[in-house]
């Protein structure tokens, strides 16, 4: 049985995008906190949560990837 998964380069690219989204969320949250904007703060938290879920999915895919 052959598992279909992302290639090494594609997986690395996804991980980089997820980390960038997490950092963007941290910046939004900090800006919202500094300016007293609860909506921006919430958007930042949502971005971070979304990025963390994507990172968890990548780790699960890596764990189930068949070794050659």
Protein backbone atom coordinates (compact mmCIF):
# COMPACT_ATOMS: atom_id res chain seq x y z
CA UNK A 1 0.00 0.00 0.00
CA UNK A 2 1.36 3.38 -0.96
CA UNK A 3 0.42 6.49 0.97
CA UNK A 4 -0.07 9.71 -0.94
CA UNK A 5 1.49 12.58 0.90
CA UNK A 6 3.21 15.85 0.25
CA UNK A 7 6.74 15.85 -1.00
CA UNK A 8 9.56 17.11 1.16
CA UNK A 9 9.66 20.50 -0.53
CA UNK A 10 5.89 20.93 -0.45
CA UNK A 11 5.74 19.92 3.20
CA UNK A 12 8.47 22.40 4.10
CA UNK A 13 6.64 25.12 2.18
CA UNK A 14 3.41 24.36 4.08
CA UNK A 15 5.23 24.46 7.41
CA UNK A 16 6.77 27.82 6.51
CA UNK A 17 3.38 29.24 5.53
CA UNK A 18 1.83 28.00 8.77
CA UNK A 19 4.59 29.58 10.85
CA UNK A 20 4.20 32.87 8.95
CA UNK A 21 0.45 32.82 9.61
CA UNK A 22 1.10 32.18 13.30
CA UNK A 23 3.50 35.14 13.50
CA UNK A 24 1.01 37.34 11.64
CA UNK A 25 -1.59 36.36 14.22
CA UNK A 26 0.74 37.25 17.07
CA UNK A 27 1.37 40.67 15.53
CA UNK A 28 -2.37 41.27 15.04
CA UNK A 29 -3.13 40.23 18.61
CA UNK A 30 -0.40 42.47 20.04
CA UNK A 31 -1.55 45.40 17.91
CA UNK A 32 -5.14 44.86 19.00
CA UNK A 33 -4.08 44.72 22.63
CA UNK A 34 -1.95 47.88 22.29
CA UNK A 35 -4.66 49.87 20.52
CA UNK A 36 -7.54 48.53 22.57
CA UNK A 37 -9.16 47.00 19.48
CA UNK A 38 -10.88 43.77 20.61
CA UNK A 39 -11.78 42.76 17.03
CA UNK A 40 -8.15 42.89 15.85
CA UNK A 41 -7.05 41.02 18.97
CA UNK A 42 -9.62 38.29 18.29
CA UNK A 43 -8.57 38.04 14.63
CA UNK A 44 -4.99 37.57 15.76
CA UNK A 45 -5.96 34.76 18.10
CA UNK A 46 -8.01 33.13 15.34
CA UNK A 47 -5.06 33.30 12.93
CA UNK A 48 -2.81 31.68 15.53
CA UNK A 49 -5.32 28.92 16.24
CA UNK A 50 -5.77 28.20 12.55
CA UNK A 51 -2.00 28.03 12.03
CA UNK A 52 -1.58 25.72 15.03
CA UNK A 53 -4.25 23.36 13.69
CA UNK A 54 -2.54 23.27 10.31
CA UNK A 55 0.80 22.56 11.98
CA UNK A 56 -0.78 19.69 13.94
CA UNK A 57 -2.17 18.25 10.71
CA UNK A 58 1.29 18.41 9.12
CA UNK A 59 2.76 16.55 12.10
CA UNK A 60 0.09 13.87 11.83
CA UNK A 61 0.78 13.47 8.12
CA UNK A 62 4.49 13.17 8.86
CA UNK A 63 3.84 10.53 11.52
CA UNK A 64 1.83 8.35 9.14
CA UNK A 65 4.09 8.80 6.16
CA UNK A 66 5.64 5.51 5.09
CA UNK A 67 9.39 5.39 5.40
CA UNK A 68 11.28 4.11 2.38
